[in-house]
Full PDB file with SEQRES, HELIX, SHEET, SSBOND, CRYST1, ORIGX, SCALE, CONECT and MASTER records, all heavy atoms in Angstrom:
SEQRES   1 A   36  GLU GLY THR ARG ASP TRP ARG THR ARG ASP ARG GLU HIS          
SEQRES   2 A   36  GLU ARG SER ARG ASP LYS ARG TRP PRO GLU ARG GLU ARG          
SEQRES   3 A   36  SER TRP ALA TRP GLY GLU SER GLU ARG GLU                      
HELIX    1 AA1 GLY A    2  TRP A   30  1                                  29    
CRYST1    1.000    1.000    1.000  90.00  90.00  90.00 P 1           1          
ORIGX1      1.000000  0.000000  0.000000        0.00000                         
ORIGX2      0.000000  1.000000  0.000000        0.00000                         
ORIGX3      0.000000  0.000000  1.000000        0.00000                         
SCALE1      1.000000  0.000000  0.000000        0.00000                         
SCALE2      0.000000  1.000000  0.000000        0.00000                         
SCALE3      0.000000  0.000000  1.000000        0.00000                         
ATOM      1  N   GLU A   1      -0.150  15.458 -60.770  1.00  0.00           N  
ATOM      2  CA  GLU A   1       1.120  14.741 -60.562  1.00  0.00           C  
ATOM      3  C   GLU A   1       1.914  15.401 -59.455  1.00  0.00           C  
ATOM      4  O   GLU A   1       2.599  14.752 -58.655  1.00  0.00           O  
ATOM      5  CB  GLU A   1       1.933  14.791 -61.844  1.00  0.00           C  
ATOM      6  CG  GLU A   1       1.306  13.931 -62.955  1.00  0.00           C  
ATOM      7  CD  GLU A   1       2.077  14.075 -64.284  1.00  0.00           C  
ATOM      8  OE1 GLU A   1       3.028  14.887 -64.298  1.00  0.00           O  
ATOM      9  OE2 GLU A   1       1.725  13.402 -65.252  1.00  0.00           O  
ATOM     10  N   GLY A   2       1.817  16.749 -59.393  1.00  0.00           N  
ATOM     11  CA  GLY A   2       2.555  17.445 -58.320  1.00  0.00           C  
ATOM     12  C   GLY A   2       2.054  17.047 -56.964  1.00  0.00           C  
ATOM     13  O   GLY A   2       2.823  16.812 -56.048  1.00  0.00           O  
ATOM     14  N   THR A   3       0.724  16.875 -56.825  1.00  0.00           N  
ATOM     15  CA  THR A   3       0.171  16.461 -55.522  1.00  0.00           C  
ATOM     16  C   THR A   3       0.596  15.017 -55.189  1.00  0.00           C  
ATOM     17  O   THR A   3       0.883  14.727 -54.009  1.00  0.00           O  
ATOM     18  CB  THR A   3      -1.318  16.580 -55.543  1.00  0.00           C  
ATOM     19  OG1 THR A   3      -1.860  15.823 -56.662  1.00  0.00           O  
ATOM     20  CG2 THR A   3      -1.787  18.047 -55.657  1.00  0.00           C  
ATOM     21  N   ARG A   4       0.683  14.158 -56.175  1.00  0.00           N  
ATOM     22  CA  ARG A   4       1.118  12.795 -55.903  1.00  0.00           C  
ATOM     23  C   ARG A   4       2.539  12.777 -55.393  1.00  0.00           C  
ATOM     24  O   ARG A   4       2.900  12.005 -54.489  1.00  0.00           O  
ATOM     25  CB  ARG A   4       1.024  11.979 -57.215  1.00  0.00           C  
ATOM     26  CG  ARG A   4      -0.429  11.683 -57.623  1.00  0.00           C  
ATOM     27  CD  ARG A   4      -0.470  10.978 -58.952  1.00  0.00           C  
ATOM     28  NE  ARG A   4      -1.817  10.799 -59.434  1.00  0.00           N  
ATOM     29  CZ  ARG A   4      -2.134  10.322 -60.637  1.00  0.00           C  
ATOM     30  NH1 ARG A   4      -1.205   9.992 -61.484  1.00  0.00           N  
ATOM     31  NH2 ARG A   4      -3.403  10.156 -60.975  1.00  0.00           N  
ATOM     32  N   ASP A   5       3.426  13.548 -56.008  1.00  0.00           N  
ATOM     33  CA  ASP A   5       4.834  13.624 -55.550  1.00  0.00           C  
ATOM     34  C   ASP A   5       4.888  14.010 -54.078  1.00  0.00           C  
ATOM     35  O   ASP A   5       5.686  13.467 -53.295  1.00  0.00           O  
ATOM     36  CB  ASP A   5       5.625  14.568 -56.471  1.00  0.00           C  
ATOM     37  CG  ASP A   5       5.730  14.045 -57.873  1.00  0.00           C  
ATOM     38  OD1 ASP A   5       5.515  12.824 -58.046  1.00  0.00           O  
ATOM     39  OD2 ASP A   5       5.968  14.850 -58.787  1.00  0.00           O  
ATOM     40  N   TRP A   6       4.172  15.005 -53.745  1.00  0.00           N  
ATOM     41  CA  TRP A   6       4.189  15.484 -52.344  1.00  0.00           C  
ATOM     42  C   TRP A   6       3.691  14.429 -51.405  1.00  0.00           C  
ATOM     43  O   TRP A   6       4.226  14.221 -50.324  1.00  0.00           O  
ATOM     44  CB  TRP A   6       3.332  16.735 -52.187  1.00  0.00           C  
ATOM     45  CG  TRP A   6       4.037  17.972 -52.675  1.00  0.00           C  
ATOM     46  CD1 TRP A   6       3.791  18.702 -53.790  1.00  0.00           C  
ATOM     47  CD2 TRP A   6       5.167  18.614 -52.027  1.00  0.00           C  
ATOM     48  NE1 TRP A   6       4.650  19.749 -53.902  1.00  0.00           N  
ATOM     49  CE2 TRP A   6       5.504  19.726 -52.814  1.00  0.00           C  
ATOM     50  CE3 TRP A   6       5.867  18.364 -50.866  1.00  0.00           C  
ATOM     51  CZ2 TRP A   6       6.542  20.573 -52.500  1.00  0.00           C  
ATOM     52  CZ3 TRP A   6       6.919  19.185 -50.544  1.00  0.00           C  
ATOM     53  CH2 TRP A   6       7.242  20.307 -51.336  1.00  0.00           C  
ATOM     54  N   ARG A   7       2.661  13.676 -51.808  1.00  0.00           N  
ATOM     55  CA  ARG A   7       2.119  12.629 -50.956  1.00  0.00           C  
ATOM     56  C   ARG A   7       3.133  11.536 -50.755  1.00  0.00           C  
ATOM     57  O   ARG A   7       3.301  11.041 -49.608  1.00  0.00           O  
ATOM     58  CB  ARG A   7       0.843  12.078 -51.565  1.00  0.00           C  
ATOM     59  CG  ARG A   7      -0.330  13.064 -51.496  1.00  0.00           C  
ATOM     60  CD  ARG A   7      -1.519  12.487 -52.278  1.00  0.00           C  
ATOM     61  NE  ARG A   7      -2.629  13.434 -52.277  1.00  0.00           N  
ATOM     62  CZ  ARG A   7      -3.724  13.273 -52.994  1.00  0.00           C  
ATOM     63  NH1 ARG A   7      -3.864  12.180 -53.758  1.00  0.00           N  
ATOM     64  NH2 ARG A   7      -4.710  14.188 -52.972  1.00  0.00           N  
ATOM     65  N   THR A   8       3.810  11.093 -51.799  1.00  0.00           N  
ATOM     66  CA  THR A   8       4.809  10.023 -51.674  1.00  0.00           C  
ATOM     67  C   THR A   8       5.982  10.495 -50.759  1.00  0.00           C  
ATOM     68  O   THR A   8       6.466   9.689 -49.958  1.00  0.00           O  
ATOM     69  CB  THR A   8       5.378   9.622 -53.048  1.00  0.00           C  
ATOM     70  OG1 THR A   8       5.757  10.820 -53.702  1.00  0.00           O  
ATOM     71  CG2 THR A   8       4.290   8.974 -53.897  1.00  0.00           C  
ATOM     72  N   ARG A   9       6.383  11.727 -50.935  1.00  0.00           N  
ATOM     73  CA  ARG A   9       7.452  12.233 -50.059  1.00  0.00           C  
ATOM     74  C   ARG A   9       7.031  12.223 -48.571  1.00  0.00           C  
ATOM     75  O   ARG A   9       7.827  11.841 -47.705  1.00  0.00           O  
ATOM     76  CB  ARG A   9       7.832  13.679 -50.475  1.00  0.00           C  
ATOM     77  CG  ARG A   9       8.519  13.759 -51.809  1.00  0.00           C  
ATOM     78  CD  ARG A   9       8.744  15.211 -52.205  1.00  0.00           C  
ATOM     79  NE  ARG A   9       9.276  15.291 -53.538  1.00  0.00           N  
ATOM     80  CZ  ARG A   9       9.496  16.466 -54.196  1.00  0.00           C  
ATOM     81  NH1 ARG A   9       9.202  17.593 -53.578  1.00  0.00           N  
ATOM     82  NH2 ARG A   9      10.020  16.470 -55.365  1.00  0.00           N  
ATOM     83  N   ASP A  10       5.809  12.632 -48.309  1.00  0.00           N  
ATOM     84  CA  ASP A  10       5.326  12.615 -46.924  1.00  0.00           C  
ATOM     85  C   ASP A  10       5.318  11.205 -46.335  1.00  0.00           C  
ATOM     86  O   ASP A  10       5.683  10.992 -45.192  1.00  0.00           O  
ATOM     87  CB  ASP A  10       3.938  13.229 -46.833  1.00  0.00           C  
ATOM     88  CG  ASP A  10       3.966  14.745 -47.187  1.00  0.00           C  
ATOM     89  OD1 ASP A  10       5.051  15.336 -47.072  1.00  0.00           O  
ATOM     90  OD2 ASP A  10       2.888  15.263 -47.541  1.00  0.00           O  
ATOM     91  N   ARG A  11       4.880  10.269 -47.156  1.00  0.00           N  
ATOM     92  CA  ARG A  11       4.837   8.888 -46.698  1.00  0.00           C  
ATOM     93  C   ARG A  11       6.256   8.360 -46.374  1.00  0.00           C  
ATOM     94  O   ARG A  11       6.491   7.726 -45.310  1.00  0.00           O  
ATOM     95  CB  ARG A  11       4.189   7.968 -47.717  1.00  0.00           C  
ATOM     96  CG  ARG A  11       2.692   8.230 -47.881  1.00  0.00           C  
ATOM     97  CD  ARG A  11       2.145   7.420 -49.024  1.00  0.00           C  
ATOM     98  NE  ARG A  11       0.734   7.707 -49.219  1.00  0.00           N  
ATOM     99  CZ  ARG A  11       0.024   7.233 -50.274  1.00  0.00           C  
ATOM    100  NH1 ARG A  11       0.625   6.484 -51.181  1.00  0.00           N  
ATOM    101  NH2 ARG A  11      -1.280   7.570 -50.373  1.00  0.00           N  
ATOM    102  N   GLU A  12       7.219   8.613 -47.270  1.00  0.00           N  
ATOM    103  CA  GLU A  12       8.591   8.155 -47.025  1.00  0.00           C  
ATOM    104  C   GLU A  12       9.153   8.812 -45.747  1.00  0.00           C  
ATOM    105  O   GLU A  12       9.868   8.168 -44.977  1.00  0.00           O  
ATOM    106  CB  GLU A  12       9.434   8.496 -48.217  1.00  0.00           C  
ATOM    107  CG  GLU A  12       9.090   7.700 -49.446  1.00  0.00           C  
ATOM    108  CD  GLU A  12       9.890   8.126 -50.672  1.00  0.00           C  
ATOM    109  OE1 GLU A  12      10.692   9.103 -50.510  1.00  0.00           O  
ATOM    110  OE2 GLU A  12       9.759   7.532 -51.746  1.00  0.00           O  
ATOM    111  N   HIS A  13       8.828  10.081 -45.567  1.00  0.00           N  
ATOM    112  CA  HIS A  13       9.330  10.773 -44.391  1.00  0.00           C  
ATOM    113  C   HIS A  13       8.779  10.152 -43.111  1.00  0.00           C  
ATOM    114  O   HIS A  13       9.475   9.954 -42.108  1.00  0.00           O  
ATOM    115  CB  HIS A  13       8.958  12.255 -44.460  1.00  0.00           C  
ATOM    116  CG  HIS A  13       9.451  13.021 -43.276  1.00  0.00           C  
ATOM    117  ND1 HIS A  13      10.754  13.290 -43.006  1.00  0.00           N  
ATOM    118  CD2 HIS A  13       8.737  13.593 -42.226  1.00  0.00           C  
ATOM    119  CE1 HIS A  13      10.878  13.999 -41.906  1.00  0.00           C  
ATOM    120  NE2 HIS A  13       9.649  14.215 -41.429  1.00  0.00           N  
ATOM    121  N   GLU A  14       7.503   9.790 -43.098  1.00  0.00           N  
ATOM    122  CA  GLU A  14       6.871   9.169 -41.977  1.00  0.00           C  
ATOM    123  C   GLU A  14       7.509   7.796 -41.672  1.00  0.00           C  
ATOM    124  O   GLU A  14       7.725   7.430 -40.523  1.00  0.00           O  
ATOM    125  CB  GLU A  14       5.348   9.049 -42.181  1.00  0.00           C  
ATOM    126  CG  GLU A  14       4.659  10.382 -42.181  1.00  0.00           C  
ATOM    127  CD  GLU A  14       3.174  10.205 -42.454  1.00  0.00           C  
ATOM    128  OE1 GLU A  14       2.722   9.051 -42.699  1.00  0.00           O  
ATOM    129  OE2 GLU A  14       2.435  11.217 -42.424  1.00  0.00           O  
ATOM    130  N   ARG A  15       7.774   7.024 -42.723  1.00  0.00           N  
ATOM    131  CA  ARG A  15       8.379   5.667 -42.528  1.00  0.00           C  
ATOM    132  C   ARG A  15       9.751   5.815 -41.887  1.00  0.00           C  
ATOM    133  O   ARG A  15      10.117   5.060 -40.974  1.00  0.00           O  
ATOM    134  CB  ARG A  15       8.461   4.965 -43.862  1.00  0.00           C  
ATOM    135  CG  ARG A  15       7.089   4.569 -44.399  1.00  0.00           C  
ATOM    136  CD  ARG A  15       7.240   3.962 -45.793  1.00  0.00           C  
ATOM    137  NE  ARG A  15       5.907   3.629 -46.353  1.00  0.00           N  
ATOM    138  CZ  ARG A  15       5.703   3.236 -47.638  1.00  0.00           C  
ATOM    139  NH1 ARG A  15       6.791   3.117 -48.427  1.00  0.00           N  
ATOM    140  NH2 ARG A  15       4.519   2.948 -48.058  1.00  0.00           N  
ATOM    141  N   SER A  16      10.565   6.716 -42.435  1.00  0.00           N  
ATOM    142  CA  SER A  16      11.915   6.885 -41.870  1.00  0.00           C  
ATOM    143  C   SER A  16      11.841   7.331 -40.414  1.00  0.00           C  
ATOM    144  O   SER A  16      12.664   6.934 -39.583  1.00  0.00           O  
ATOM    145  CB  SER A  16      12.693   7.887 -42.719  1.00  0.00           C  
ATOM    146  OG  SER A  16      12.067   9.138 -42.696  1.00  0.00           O  
ATOM    147  N   ARG A  17      10.879   8.207 -40.106  1.00  0.00           N  
ATOM    148  CA  ARG A  17      10.703   8.647 -38.742  1.00  0.00           C  
ATOM    149  C   ARG A  17      10.285   7.508 -37.802  1.00  0.00           C  
ATOM    150  O   ARG A  17      10.799   7.419 -36.676  1.00  0.00           O  
ATOM    151  CB  ARG A  17       9.657   9.745 -38.690  1.00  0.00           C  
ATOM    152  CG  ARG A  17       9.565  10.439 -37.328  1.00  0.00           C  
ATOM    153  CD  ARG A  17       8.576  11.571 -37.393  1.00  0.00           C  
ATOM    154  NE  ARG A  17       7.233  11.072 -37.755  1.00  0.00           N  
ATOM    155  CZ  ARG A  17       6.183  11.872 -37.911  1.00  0.00           C  
ATOM    156  NH1 ARG A  17       6.318  13.183 -37.781  1.00  0.00           N  
ATOM    157  NH2 ARG A  17       5.019  11.342 -38.245  1.00  0.00           N  
ATOM    158  N   ASP A  18       9.459   6.599 -38.320  1.00  0.00           N  
ATOM    159  CA  ASP A  18       9.061   5.459 -37.496  1.00  0.00           C  
ATOM    160  C   ASP A  18      10.244   4.528 -37.229  1.00  0.00           C  
ATOM    161  O   ASP A  18      10.343   3.943 -36.150  1.00  0.00           O  
ATOM    162  CB  ASP A  18       7.934   4.658 -38.201  1.00  0.00           C  
ATOM    163  CG  ASP A  18       6.646   5.501 -38.280  1.00  0.00           C  
ATOM    164  OD1 ASP A  18       6.512   6.463 -37.498  1.00  0.00           O  
ATOM    165  OD2 ASP A  18       5.789   5.204 -39.154  1.00  0.00           O  
ATOM    166  N   LYS A  19      11.152   4.428 -38.211  1.00  0.00           N  
ATOM    167  CA  LYS A  19      12.302   3.576 -38.045  1.00  0.00           C  
ATOM    168  C   LYS A  19      13.263   4.175 -36.975  1.00  0.00           C  
ATOM    169  O   LYS A  19      13.880   3.380 -36.207  1.00  0.00           O  
ATOM    170  CB  LYS A  19      13.080   3.368 -39.344  1.00  0.00           C  
ATOM    171  CG  LYS A  19      12.279   2.541 -40.332  1.00  0.00           C  
ATOM    172  CD  LYS A  19      13.087   2.430 -41.660  1.00  0.00           C  
ATOM    173  CE  LYS A  19      12.289   1.611 -42.673  1.00  0.00           C  
ATOM    174  NZ  LYS A  19      13.052   1.506 -43.972  1.00  0.00           N  
ATOM    175  N   ARG A  20      13.416   5.473 -36.987  1.00  0.00           N  
ATOM    176  CA  ARG A  20      14.313   6.102 -36.019  1.00  0.00           C  
ATOM    177  C   ARG A  20      13.744   6.142 -34.606  1.00  0.00           C  
ATOM    178  O   ARG A  20      14.511   6.238 -33.645  1.00  0.00           O  
ATOM    179  CB  ARG A  20      14.687   7.536 -36.476  1.00  0.00           C  
ATOM    180  CG  ARG A  20      15.478   7.593 -37.762  1.00  0.00           C  
ATOM    181  CD  ARG A  20      16.000   8.999 -37.940  1.00  0.00           C  
ATOM    182  NE  ARG A  20      14.954  10.011 -37.968  1.00  0.00           N  
ATOM    183  CZ  ARG A  20      14.382  10.368 -39.099  1.00  0.00           C  
ATOM    184  NH1 ARG A  20      14.766   9.841 -40.242  1.00  0.00           N  
ATOM    185  NH2 ARG A  20      13.429  11.327 -39.057  1.00  0.00           N  
ATOM    186  N   TRP A  21      12.481   6.017 -34.478  1.00  0.00           N  
ATOM    187  CA  TRP A  21      11.809   6.160 -33.172  1.00  0.00           C  
ATOM    188  C   TRP A  21      12.232   5.059 -32.181  1.00  0.00           C  
ATOM    189  O   TRP A  21      12.513   5.354 -31.053  1.00  0.00           O  
ATOM    190  CB  TRP A  21      10.302   6.220 -33.354  1.00  0.00           C  
ATOM    191  CG  TRP A  21       9.593   6.540 -32.092  1.00  0.00           C  
ATOM    192  CD1 TRP A  21       8.905   5.675 -31.284  1.00  0.00           C  
ATOM    193  CD2 TRP A  21       9.462   7.798 -31.466  1.00  0.00           C  
ATOM    194  NE1 TRP A  21       8.365   6.317 -30.258  1.00  0.00           N  
ATOM    195  CE2 TRP A  21       8.688   7.676 -30.330  1.00  0.00           C  
ATOM    196  CE3 TRP A  21       9.945   9.083 -31.789  1.00  0.00           C  
ATOM    197  CZ2 TRP A  21       8.395   8.717 -29.464  1.00  0.00           C  
ATOM    198  CZ3 TRP A  21       9.642  10.140 -30.958  1.00  0.00           C  
ATOM    199  CH2 TRP A  21       8.895   9.931 -29.794  1.00  0.00           C  
ATOM    200  N   PRO A  22      12.230   3.759 -32.569  1.00  0.00           N  
ATOM    201  CA  PRO A  22      12.665   2.710 -31.626  1.00  0.00           C  
ATOM    202  C   PRO A  22      14.101   2.884 -31.086  1.00  0.00           C  
ATOM    203  O   PRO A  22      14.383   2.633 -29.923  1.00  0.00           O  
ATOM    204  CB  PRO A  22      12.560   1.389 -32.437  1.00  0.00           C  
ATOM    205  CG  PRO A  22      11.602   1.711 -33.491  1.00  0.00           C  
ATOM    206  CD  PRO A  22      11.798   3.165 -33.823  1.00  0.00           C  
ATOM    207  N   GLU A  23      15.016   3.369 -31.926  1.00  0.00           N  
ATOM    208  CA  GLU A  23      16.402   3.602 -31.469  1.00  0.00           C  
ATOM    209  C   GLU A  23      16.417   4.658 -30.385  1.00  0.00           C  
ATOM    210  O   GLU A  23      17.167   4.547 -29.417  1.00  0.00           O  
ATOM    211  CB  GLU A  23      17.238   4.013 -32.674  1.00  0.00           C  
ATOM    212  CG  GLU A  23      17.355   2.944 -33.748  1.00  0.00           C  
ATOM    213  CD  GLU A  23      18.183   3.406 -34.906  1.00  0.00           C  
ATOM    214  OE1 GLU A  23      18.589   4.605 -34.923  1.00  0.00           O  
ATOM    215  OE2 GLU A  23      18.394   2.630 -35.856  1.00  0.00           O  
ATOM    216  N   ARG A  24      15.651   5.719 -30.548  1.00  0.00           N  
ATOM    217  CA  ARG A  24      15.591   6.764 -29.537  1.00  0.00           C  
ATOM    218  C   ARG A  24      15.008   6.225 -28.236  1.00  0.00           C  
ATOM    219  O   ARG A  24      15.464   6.566 -27.158  1.00  0.00           O  
ATOM    220  CB  ARG A  24      14.764   7.960 -30.030  1.00  0.00           C  
ATOM    221  CG  ARG A  24      15.385   8.712 -31.184  1.00  0.00           C  
ATOM    222  CD  ARG A  24      14.516   9.850 -31.604  1.00  0.00           C  
ATOM    223  NE  ARG A  24      15.114  10.573 -32.704  1.00  0.00           N  
ATOM    224  CZ  ARG A  24      14.524  11.614 -33.301  1.00  0.00           C  
ATOM    225  NH1 ARG A  24      13.309  11.999 -32.913  1.00  0.00           N  
ATOM    226  NH2 ARG A  24      15.119  12.221 -34.313  1.00  0.00           N  
ATOM    227  N   GLU A  25      13.988   5.331 -28.324  1.00  0.00           N  
ATOM    228  CA  GLU A  25      13.387   4.791 -27.146  1.00  0.00           C  
ATOM    229  C   GLU A  25      14.402   3.925 -26.367  1.00  0.00           C  
ATOM    230  O   GLU A  25      14.438   3.939 -25.138  1.00  0.00           O  
ATOM    231  CB  GLU A  25      12.177   3.978 -27.506  1.00  0.00           C  
ATOM    232  CG  GLU A  25      10.970   4.823 -27.930  1.00  0.00           C  
ATOM    233  CD  GLU A  25       9.781   4.003 -28.286  1.00  0.00           C  
ATOM    234  OE1 GLU A  25       9.932   2.726 -28.404  1.00  0.00           O  
ATOM    235  OE2 GLU A  25       8.665   4.530 -28.421  1.00  0.00           O  
ATOM    236  N   ARG A  26      15.281   3.187 -27.089  1.00  0.00           N  
ATOM    237  CA  ARG A  26      16.241   2.352 -26.440  1.00  0.00           C  
ATOM    238  C   ARG A  26      17.199   3.230 -25.646  1.00  0.00           C  
ATOM    239  O   ARG A  26      17.583   2.942 -24.521  1.00  0.00           O  
ATOM    240  CB  ARG A  26      17.021   1.579 -27.451  1.00  0.00           C  
ATOM    241  CG  ARG A  26      16.176   0.472 -28.128  1.00  0.00           C  
ATOM    242  CD  ARG A  26      16.941  -0.140 -29.307  1.00  0.00           C  
ATOM    243  NE  ARG A  26      16.063  -1.077 -30.011  1.00  0.00           N  
ATOM    244  CZ  ARG A  26      16.477  -1.630 -31.184  1.00  0.00           C  
ATOM    245  NH1 ARG A  26      17.675  -1.356 -31.673  1.00  0.00           N  
ATOM    246  NH2 ARG A  26      15.647  -2.443 -31.815  1.00  0.00           N  
ATOM    247  N   SER A  27      17.655   4.288 -26.286  1.00  0.00           N  
ATOM    248  CA  SER A  27      18.622   5.158 -25.609  1.00  0.00           C  
ATOM    249  C   SER A  27      17.977   5.764 -24.343  1.00  0.00           C  
ATOM    250  O   SER A  27      18.623   5.882 -23.343  1.00  0.00           O  
ATOM    251  CB  SER A  27      19.119   6.278 -26.537  1.00  0.00           C  
ATOM    252  OG  SER A  27      18.032   7.077 -26.962  1.00  0.00           O  
ATOM    253  N   TRP A  28      16.729   6.134 -24.473  1.00  0.00           N  
ATOM    254  CA  TRP A  28      16.034   6.683 -23.293  1.00  0.00           C  
ATOM    255  C   TRP A  28      15.882   5.628 -22.168  1.00  0.00           C  
ATOM    256  O   TRP A  28      15.997   5.903 -20.989  1.00  0.00           O  
ATOM    257  CB  TRP A  28      14.688   7.224 -23.655  1.00  0.00           C  
ATOM    258  CG  TRP A  28      14.775   8.451 -24.535  1.00  0.00           C  
ATOM    259  CD1 TRP A  28      15.873   9.251 -24.690  1.00  0.00           C  
ATOM    260  CD2 TRP A  28      13.747   8.999 -25.375  1.00  0.00           C  
ATOM    261  NE1 TRP A  28      15.580  10.258 -25.566  1.00  0.00           N  
ATOM    262  CE2 TRP A  28      14.291  10.113 -26.009  1.00  0.00           C  
ATOM    263  CE3 TRP A  28      12.457   8.565 -25.667  1.00  0.00           C  
ATOM    264  CZ2 TRP A  28      13.564  10.856 -26.937  1.00  0.00           C  
ATOM    265  CZ3 TRP A  28      11.719   9.340 -26.534  1.00  0.00           C  
ATOM    266  CH2 TRP A  28      12.244  10.474 -27.171  1.00  0.00           C  
ATOM    267  N   ALA A  29      15.615   4.355 -22.625  1.00  0.00           N  
ATOM    268  CA  ALA A  29      15.453   3.311 -21.652  1.00  0.00           C  
ATOM    269  C   ALA A  29      16.761   3.033 -20.899  1.00  0.00           C  
ATOM    270  O   ALA A  29      16.785   2.736 -19.730  1.00  0.00           O  
ATOM    271  CB  ALA A  29      14.980   2.026 -22.336  1.00  0.00           C  
ATOM    272  N   TRP A  30      17.877   3.157 -21.617  1.00  0.00           N  
ATOM    273  CA  TRP A  30      19.151   2.936 -20.970  1.00  0.00           C  
ATOM    274  C   TRP A  30      19.538   4.115 -20.059  1.00  0.00           C  
ATOM    275  O   TRP A  30      20.445   4.027 -19.237  1.00  0.00           O  
ATOM    276  CB  TRP A  30      20.256   2.764 -22.024  1.00  0.00           C  
ATOM    277  CG  TRP A  30      20.035   1.479 -22.798  1.00  0.00           C  
ATOM    278  CD1 TRP A  30      19.336   0.386 -22.406  1.00  0.00           C  
ATOM    279  CD2 TRP A  30      20.584   1.212 -24.091  1.00  0.00           C  
ATOM    280  NE1 TRP A  30      19.388  -0.601 -23.340  1.00  0.00           N  
ATOM    281  CE2 TRP A  30      20.127  -0.102 -24.420  1.00  0.00           C  
ATOM    282  CE3 TRP A  30      21.369   1.880 -25.021  1.00  0.00           C  
ATOM    283  CZ2 TRP A  30      20.444  -0.742 -25.623  1.00  0.00           C  
ATOM    284  CZ3 TRP A  30      21.693   1.270 -26.165  1.00  0.00           C  
ATOM    285  CH2 TRP A  30      21.243  -0.035 -26.475  1.00  0.00           C  
ATOM    286  N   GLY A  31      18.790   5.188 -20.153  1.00  0.00           N  
ATOM    287  CA  GLY A  31      19.001   6.321 -19.256  1.00  0.00           C  
ATOM    288  C   GLY A  31      20.130   7.235 -19.737  1.00  0.00           C  
ATOM    289  O   GLY A  31      20.671   7.992 -18.871  1.00  0.00           O  
ATOM    290  N   GLU A  32      20.532   7.121 -20.979  1.00  0.00           N  
ATOM    291  CA  GLU A  32      21.628   8.011 -21.436  1.00  0.00           C  
ATOM    292  C   GLU A  32      21.358   8.307 -22.918  1.00  0.00           C  
ATOM    293  O   GLU A  32      20.784   7.530 -23.625  1.00  0.00           O  
ATOM    294  CB  GLU A  32      22.957   7.374 -21.266  1.00  0.00           C  
ATOM    295  CG  GLU A  32      23.094   6.029 -21.969  1.00  0.00           C  
ATOM    296  CD  GLU A  32      24.431   5.396 -21.694  1.00  0.00           C  
ATOM    297  OE1 GLU A  32      25.166   5.917 -20.875  1.00  0.00           O  
ATOM    298  OE2 GLU A  32      24.730   4.388 -22.368  1.00  0.00           O  
ATOM    299  N   SER A  33      21.812   9.413 -23.337  1.00  0.00           N  
ATOM    300  CA  SER A  33      21.637   9.868 -24.681  1.00  0.00           C  
ATOM    301  C   SER A  33      22.930   9.596 -25.469  1.00  0.00           C  
ATOM    302  O   SER A  33      23.938   9.172 -24.923  1.00  0.00           O  
ATOM    303  CB  SER A  33      21.290  11.362 -24.745  1.00  0.00           C  
ATOM    304  OG  SER A  33      22.353  12.137 -24.173  1.00  0.00           O  
ATOM    305  N   GLU A  34      22.879   9.835 -26.753  1.00  0.00           N  
ATOM    306  CA  GLU A  34      24.057   9.634 -27.610  1.00  0.00           C  
ATOM    307  C   GLU A  34      25.190  10.566 -27.202  1.00  0.00           C  
ATOM    308  O   GLU A  34      26.362  10.212 -27.224  1.00  0.00           O  
ATOM    309  CB  GLU A  34      23.669   9.848 -29.066  1.00  0.00           C  
ATOM    310  CG  GLU A  34      22.690   8.791 -29.563  1.00  0.00           C  
ATOM    311  CD  GLU A  34      22.334   9.087 -31.009  1.00  0.00           C  
ATOM    312  OE1 GLU A  34      22.828  10.066 -31.588  1.00  0.00           O  
ATOM    313  OE2 GLU A  34      21.538   8.251 -31.595  1.00  0.00           O  
ATOM    314  N   ARG A  35      24.843  11.806 -26.857  1.00  0.00           N  
ATOM    315  CA  ARG A  35      25.888  12.766 -26.437  1.00  0.00           C  
ATOM    316  C   ARG A  35      26.615  12.313 -25.173  1.00  0.00           C  
ATOM    317  O   ARG A  35      27.839  12.440 -25.062  1.00  0.00           O  
ATOM    318  CB  ARG A  35      25.252  14.158 -26.241  1.00  0.00           C  
ATOM    319  CG  ARG A  35      24.729  14.774 -27.501  1.00  0.00           C  
ATOM    320  CD  ARG A  35      24.134  16.148 -27.180  1.00  0.00           C  
ATOM    321  NE  ARG A  35      23.618  16.785 -28.378  1.00  0.00           N  
ATOM    322  CZ  ARG A  35      22.976  17.937 -28.416  1.00  0.00           C  
ATOM    323  NH1 ARG A  35      22.862  18.597 -27.267  1.00  0.00           N  
ATOM    324  NH2 ARG A  35      22.546  18.466 -29.548  1.00  0.00           N  
ATOM    325  N   GLU A  36      25.841  11.779 -24.219  1.00  0.00           N  
ATOM    326  CA  GLU A  36      26.473  11.301 -22.980  1.00  0.00           C  
ATOM    327  C   GLU A  36      27.399  10.134 -23.234  1.00  0.00           C  
ATOM    328  O   GLU A  36      28.525  10.079 -22.668  1.00  0.00           O  
ATOM    329  CB  GLU A  36      25.412  10.903 -21.980  1.00  0.00           C  
ATOM    330  CG  GLU A  36      24.574  12.134 -21.474  1.00  0.00           C  
ATOM    331  CD  GLU A  36      23.436  11.672 -20.549  1.00  0.00           C  
ATOM    332  OE1 GLU A  36      23.286  10.407 -20.412  1.00  0.00           O  
ATOM    333  OE2 GLU A  36      22.741  12.528 -19.976  1.00  0.00           O  
TER     334      GLU A  36                                                      
MASTER        0    0    0    1    0    0    0    6  333    1    0    3          
END                                                                             
């Protein structure tokens, strides 16, 4: 059960990272970051 919990956590983390990746690409395409 412990190994299953770790696997589900890793999968959720990968999905959230995939969602955030397009937003970062847009900012890079516009040539400016959030801080700028």
